[in-house]
């Protein structure tokens, strides 16, 4: 399994997962041009994308969706509520809704050799979800855009070979920064985003001896630094990793350029 983060951050998100048979995008939150450039840079023909999994309808997760699917005709998966929100917000632009497919959290979706699971997340969107992809004995799971997490999220992430976790903001940077008070409350609230500290706590909850990669994702442009998120996660790992196996490698998904791919 190959994992390629094409872009990750509050301005746009797109991840590609490649199994032996399937090529899957999770979100399409940057321009179609940028998605195509990221795919081609990884040696992936955009015409071979089998599915696009949409976590929720916010623009930083669907900005390039309509253009991409009009050109490349990949099926689009999301909860019924998410897909309806995308349709209603499209403002009359051409949208091939015949490509839309509803997912139900708890029900496995199969795309070629990939088994795709999903679970609800706590975010201010219409029934948002996180996804997991299992293929050929390997499991990748992600969870971003959630103000808090529960046992369901922990189970979703547990036993994964690689996880992509939100590490959106540093609390002190957010509190002293220029954002309006209501926006700060929204970000820190139960339907907002996970801080670096929250991410560290979630890491501890999902650690297991076979975990090999942790990708820190969806960093805020204004309220975090990659170095800060990485240092926070590494400190948590150093304190809490208690297995004989080597600790997982921690990387930060970059905002504007693809991150070096991970091969499981």
Protein backbone atom coordinates (compact mmCIF):
# COMPACT_ATOMS: atom_id res chain seq x y z
CA UNK A 1 0.00 0.00 0.00
CA UNK A 2 1.22 3.49 -0.93
CA UNK A 3 0.15 6.68 0.83
CA UNK A 4 0.62 10.07 -0.81
CA UNK A 5 -0.51 13.31 0.81
CA UNK A 6 -1.03 15.72 -2.10
CA UNK A 7 -1.99 18.59 0.22
CA UNK A 8 -3.00 18.92 3.83
CA UNK A 9 -4.01 21.96 5.83
CA UNK A 10 -6.79 24.41 6.51
CA UNK A 11 -6.55 25.62 2.91
CA UNK A 12 -6.95 22.23 1.21
CA UNK A 13 -6.74 18.48 1.72
CA UNK A 14 -6.22 15.52 -0.59
CA UNK A 15 -4.65 12.12 0.08
CA UNK A 16 -4.11 9.25 -2.35
CA UNK A 17 -4.06 5.61 -1.26
CA UNK A 18 -2.82 3.00 -3.73
CA UNK A 19 -3.33 -0.72 -3.18
CA UNK A 20 -2.35 -3.54 -5.54
CA UNK A 21 -5.54 -3.01 -7.56
CA UNK A 22 -7.20 0.24 -6.45
CA UNK A 23 -6.34 3.94 -6.53
CA UNK A 24 -8.38 6.01 -4.11
CA UNK A 25 -8.46 9.70 -3.20
CA UNK A 26 -9.59 10.86 0.21
CA UNK A 27 -11.00 14.37 -0.31
CA UNK A 28 -10.38 16.72 -3.22
CA UNK A 29 -9.91 20.02 -1.44
CA UNK A 30 -7.39 21.64 -3.77
CA UNK A 31 -7.74 22.53 -7.43
CA UNK A 32 -8.11 19.72 -9.95
CA UNK A 33 -4.88 20.96 -11.54
CA UNK A 34 -3.02 20.53 -8.28
CA UNK A 35 -4.52 17.07 -7.72
CA UNK A 36 -3.45 16.00 -11.21
CA UNK A 37 0.06 17.38 -10.67
CA UNK A 38 0.34 15.50 -7.39
CA UNK A 39 -0.86 12.25 -8.94
CA UNK A 40 1.38 12.52 -11.97
CA UNK A 41 4.34 13.34 -9.75
CA UNK A 42 3.72 10.03 -8.00
CA UNK A 43 3.43 8.18 -11.31
CA UNK A 44 -0.35 7.82 -11.10
CA UNK A 45 -2.58 8.44 -14.14
CA UNK A 46 -5.61 10.52 -13.01
CA UNK A 47 -7.79 8.45 -15.34
CA UNK A 48 -7.09 5.40 -13.16
CA UNK A 49 -8.57 6.83 -9.94
CA UNK A 50 -11.28 4.40 -8.88
CA UNK A 51 -12.97 6.36 -6.10
CA UNK A 52 -12.98 9.64 -4.22
CA UNK A 53 -13.94 9.41 -0.55
CA UNK A 54 -15.30 12.70 0.80
CA UNK A 55 -15.09 13.25 4.55
CA UNK A 56 -17.39 16.30 4.52
CA UNK A 57 -18.54 19.18 2.38
CA UNK A 58 -16.35 22.07 3.56
CA UNK A 59 -14.49 23.76 0.72
CA UNK A 60 -11.03 22.68 1.87
CA UNK A 61 -12.16 19.11 1.20
CA UNK A 62 -14.11 19.47 -2.07
CA UNK A 63 -12.71 22.55 -3.88
CA UNK A 64 -11.42 20.55 -6.84
CA UNK A 65 -14.06 17.83 -6.85
CA UNK A 66 -16.46 19.01 -9.54
CA UNK A 67 -13.75 19.78 -12.10
CA UNK A 68 -11.87 16.54 -11.39
CA UNK A 69 -14.87 14.23 -11.74
CA UNK A 70 -16.11 15.97 -14.88
CA UNK A 71 -12.73 15.21 -16.45
CA UNK A 72 -11.92 11.81 -14.99
CA UNK A 73 -15.30 10.31 -14.01
CA UNK A 74 -14.30 8.72 -10.72
CA UNK A 75 -17.10 7.61 -8.41
CA UNK A 76 -17.61 9.86 -5.38
CA UNK A 77 -18.46 8.42 -1.96
CA UNK A 78 -19.76 10.21 1.12
CA UNK A 79 -22.65 10.09 3.52
CA UNK A 80 -26.03 10.92 2.02
CA UNK A 81 -26.08 14.19 3.93
CA UNK A 82 -22.61 15.16 2.72
CA UNK A 83 -23.45 14.45 -0.91
CA UNK A 84 -26.70 16.40 -0.67
CA UNK A 85 -24.83 19.35 0.81
CA UNK A 86 -22.36 19.26 -2.08
CA UNK A 87 -25.21 19.21 -4.59
CA UNK A 88 -27.12 22.05 -2.93
CA UNK A 89 -24.05 24.26 -2.66
CA UNK A 90 -22.95 23.77 -6.26
CA UNK A 91 -24.98 26.79 -7.41
CA UNK A 92 -26.12 25.38 -10.71
CA UNK A 93 -22.72 24.40 -12.08
CA UNK A 94 -22.57 21.10 -14.00
CA UNK A 95 -22.11 18.23 -11.57
CA UNK A 96 -22.25 14.57 -12.64
CA UNK A 97 -24.29 13.35 -9.70
CA UNK A 98 -24.66 9.94 -11.36
CA UNK A 99 -21.17 9.30 -9.98
CA UNK A 100 -22.29 9.88 -6.37
CA UNK A 101 -22.56 6.89 -4.04
CA UNK A 102 -23.77 7.01 -0.43
CA UNK A 103 -21.77 5.37 2.35
CA UNK A 104 -23.13 4.21 5.68
CA UNK A 105 -20.74 4.18 8.64
CA UNK A 106 -20.38 0.65 9.93
CA UNK A 107 -21.01 -0.86 6.49
CA UNK A 108 -17.93 -1.97 4.52
CA UNK A 109 -17.53 -0.58 1.01
CA UNK A 110 -15.46 -2.61 -1.46
CA UNK A 111 -13.49 -0.99 -4.29
CA UNK A 112 -11.50 -3.67 -6.13
CA UNK A 113 -9.19 -5.16 -3.47
CA UNK A 114 -9.79 -2.36 -0.94
CA UNK A 115 -12.22 -2.70 1.95
CA UNK A 116 -13.25 0.77 3.07
CA UNK A 117 -14.70 1.46 6.50
CA UNK A 118 -16.01 4.72 7.91
CA UNK A 119 -17.20 6.20 11.16
CA UNK A 120 -18.82 9.48 12.15
CA UNK A 121 -16.69 12.36 13.38
CA UNK A 122 -17.54 15.35 15.57
CA UNK A 123 -17.39 18.40 13.28
CA UNK A 124 -19.70 21.21 12.24
CA UNK A 125 -20.68 19.63 8.93
CA UNK A 126 -23.46 17.41 7.59
CA UNK A 127 -22.67 13.89 8.88
CA UNK A 128 -18.89 13.97 8.41
CA UNK A 129 -16.85 10.77 8.56
CA UNK A 130 -13.33 9.39 8.83
CA UNK A 131 -12.18 6.54 6.59
CA UNK A 132 -10.08 3.41 6.89
CA UNK A 133 -8.74 1.34 3.98
CA UNK A 134 -7.75 -2.30 4.36
CA UNK A 135 -6.07 -4.29 1.58
CA UNK A 136 -3.66 -7.21 1.32
CA UNK A 137 -3.23 -7.51 5.07
CA UNK A 138 -2.49 -3.80 5.60
CA UNK A 139 -4.65 -1.13 7.19
CA UNK A 140 -4.51 2.65 6.86
CA UNK A 141 -6.86 4.85 8.88
CA UNK A 142 -7.35 8.60 9.05
CA UNK A 143 -9.23 11.06 11.26
CA UNK A 144 -9.22 14.80 10.70
CA UNK A 145 -11.68 17.64 11.29
CA UNK A 146 -12.96 16.53 14.66
CA UNK A 147 -13.30 18.64 17.77
CA UNK A 148 -13.20 15.61 20.03
CA UNK A 149 -12.93 11.85 19.78
CA UNK A 150 -14.58 8.88 21.43
CA UNK A 151 -14.22 5.11 21.67
CA UNK A 152 -15.56 4.70 18.13
CA UNK A 153 -12.77 6.84 16.70
CA UNK A 154 -10.18 5.00 18.80
CA UNK A 155 -11.45 1.62 17.54
CA UNK A 156 -11.42 2.96 13.99
CA UNK A 157 -7.74 3.91 14.29
CA UNK A 158 -6.61 0.94 16.34
CA UNK A 159 -4.51 -1.80 14.74
CA UNK A 160 -3.62 0.37 11.75
CA UNK A 161 -0.19 0.09 10.17
CA UNK A 162 -0.33 3.82 9.46
CA UNK A 163 -2.59 6.59 10.74
CA UNK A 164 -3.19 10.13 9.55
CA UNK A 165 -4.25 12.32 12.47
CA UNK A 166 -5.32 15.92 12.77
CA UNK A 167 -2.88 18.19 14.59
CA UNK A 168 -4.55 21.46 13.65
CA UNK A 169 -3.45 24.10 16.13
CA UNK A 170 -1.24 25.01 19.02
CA UNK A 171 -3.53 26.19 21.80
CA UNK A 172 -1.33 29.08 22.93
CA UNK A 173 -0.88 30.35 19.37
CA UNK A 174 -4.62 30.26 18.80
CA UNK A 175 -5.46 32.02 22.07
CA UNK A 176 -3.08 34.94 21.51
CA UNK A 177 -3.60 35.12 17.74
CA UNK A 178 -5.76 37.51 15.69
CA UNK A 179 -8.81 35.28 15.19
CA UNK A 180 -12.15 36.63 16.49
CA UNK A 181 -13.28 35.17 19.79
CA UNK A 182 -16.18 33.23 18.26
CA UNK A 183 -13.88 31.60 15.71
CA UNK A 184 -11.45 30.61 18.45
CA UNK A 185 -14.33 29.05 20.36
CA UNK A 186 -15.46 27.18 17.27
CA UNK A 187 -11.98 25.77 16.59
CA UNK A 188 -11.48 24.68 20.21
CA UNK A 189 -15.03 23.37 20.59
CA UNK A 190 -16.41 19.85 20.39
CA UNK A 191 -17.26 20.32 16.69
CA UNK A 192 -14.02 22.06 15.69
CA UNK A 193 -10.50 20.68 15.41
CA UNK A 194 -7.88 18.77 17.40
CA UNK A 195 -4.94 20.65 18.88
CA UNK A 196 -1.39 19.34 19.02
CA UNK A 197 -2.07 18.23 22.61
CA UNK A 198 -5.33 16.53 21.59
CA UNK A 199 -3.49 14.74 18.80
CA UNK A 200 -0.91 13.50 21.29
CA UNK A 201 -3.61 12.11 23.56
CA UNK A 202 -5.23 10.34 20.62
CA UNK A 203 -1.85 8.91 19.61
CA UNK A 204 -1.48 7.35 23.05
CA UNK A 205 -4.95 5.79 22.76
CA UNK A 206 -4.20 4.09 19.44
CA UNK A 207 -0.58 3.02 19.92
CA UNK A 208 0.17 -0.64 19.36
CA UNK A 209 3.32 -2.56 18.65
CA UNK A 210 2.77 -2.88 14.89
CA UNK A 211 2.03 0.81 14.25
CA UNK A 212 4.67 2.03 11.80
CA UNK A 213 3.71 5.49 10.57
CA UNK A 214 1.94 8.51 12.02
CA UNK A 215 1.15 11.37 9.66
CA UNK A 216 0.25 14.70 11.27
CA UNK A 217 -2.27 16.48 9.09
CA UNK A 218 -4.57 19.45 8.60
CA UNK A 219 -2.22 21.93 10.29
CA UNK A 220 -3.50 25.49 10.57
CA UNK A 221 -1.60 28.08 8.57
CA UNK A 222 -2.05 30.71 11.28
CA UNK A 223 -2.07 28.74 14.52
CA UNK A 224 0.60 26.07 14.14
CA UNK A 225 4.03 25.31 12.74
CA UNK A 226 5.08 21.95 11.29
CA UNK A 227 8.10 21.93 13.61
CA UNK A 228 5.89 22.59 16.63
CA UNK A 229 3.40 19.84 15.78
CA UNK A 230 6.22 17.39 15.10
CA UNK A 231 8.07 18.20 18.33
CA UNK A 232 4.86 17.81 20.33
CA UNK A 233 4.10 14.40 18.78
CA UNK A 234 7.67 13.18 19.15
CA UNK A 235 7.68 14.10 22.85
CA UNK A 236 4.49 12.10 23.36
CA UNK A 237 5.96 9.15 21.47
CA UNK A 238 9.20 9.20 23.46
CA UNK A 239 7.29 9.21 26.73
CA UNK A 240 4.69 6.59 25.88
CA UNK A 241 6.15 4.05 23.43
CA UNK A 242 6.80 0.95 25.52
CA UNK A 243 7.08 -1.83 22.96
CA UNK A 244 10.27 -3.65 21.89
CA UNK A 245 9.63 -2.79 18.25
CA UNK A 246 10.95 0.51 16.86
CA UNK A 247 8.65 3.48 17.44
CA UNK A 248 6.56 4.65 14.48
CA UNK A 249 8.01 7.25 12.16
CA UNK A 250 6.20 10.58 12.53
CA UNK A 251 5.92 12.92 9.56
CA UNK A 252 4.03 16.13 8.87
CA UNK A 253 1.83 16.34 5.77
CA UNK A 254 2.76 19.51 3.90
CA UNK A 255 0.33 22.24 2.99
CA UNK A 256 1.16 23.18 -0.59
CA UNK A 257 3.25 20.36 -2.04
CA UNK A 258 2.99 16.57 -1.93
CA UNK A 259 4.67 14.87 0.98
CA UNK A 260 7.11 12.03 0.34
CA UNK A 261 5.06 8.89 -0.11
CA UNK A 262 4.90 6.18 2.51
CA UNK A 263 5.07 2.56 1.40
CA UNK A 264 3.69 -0.02 3.81
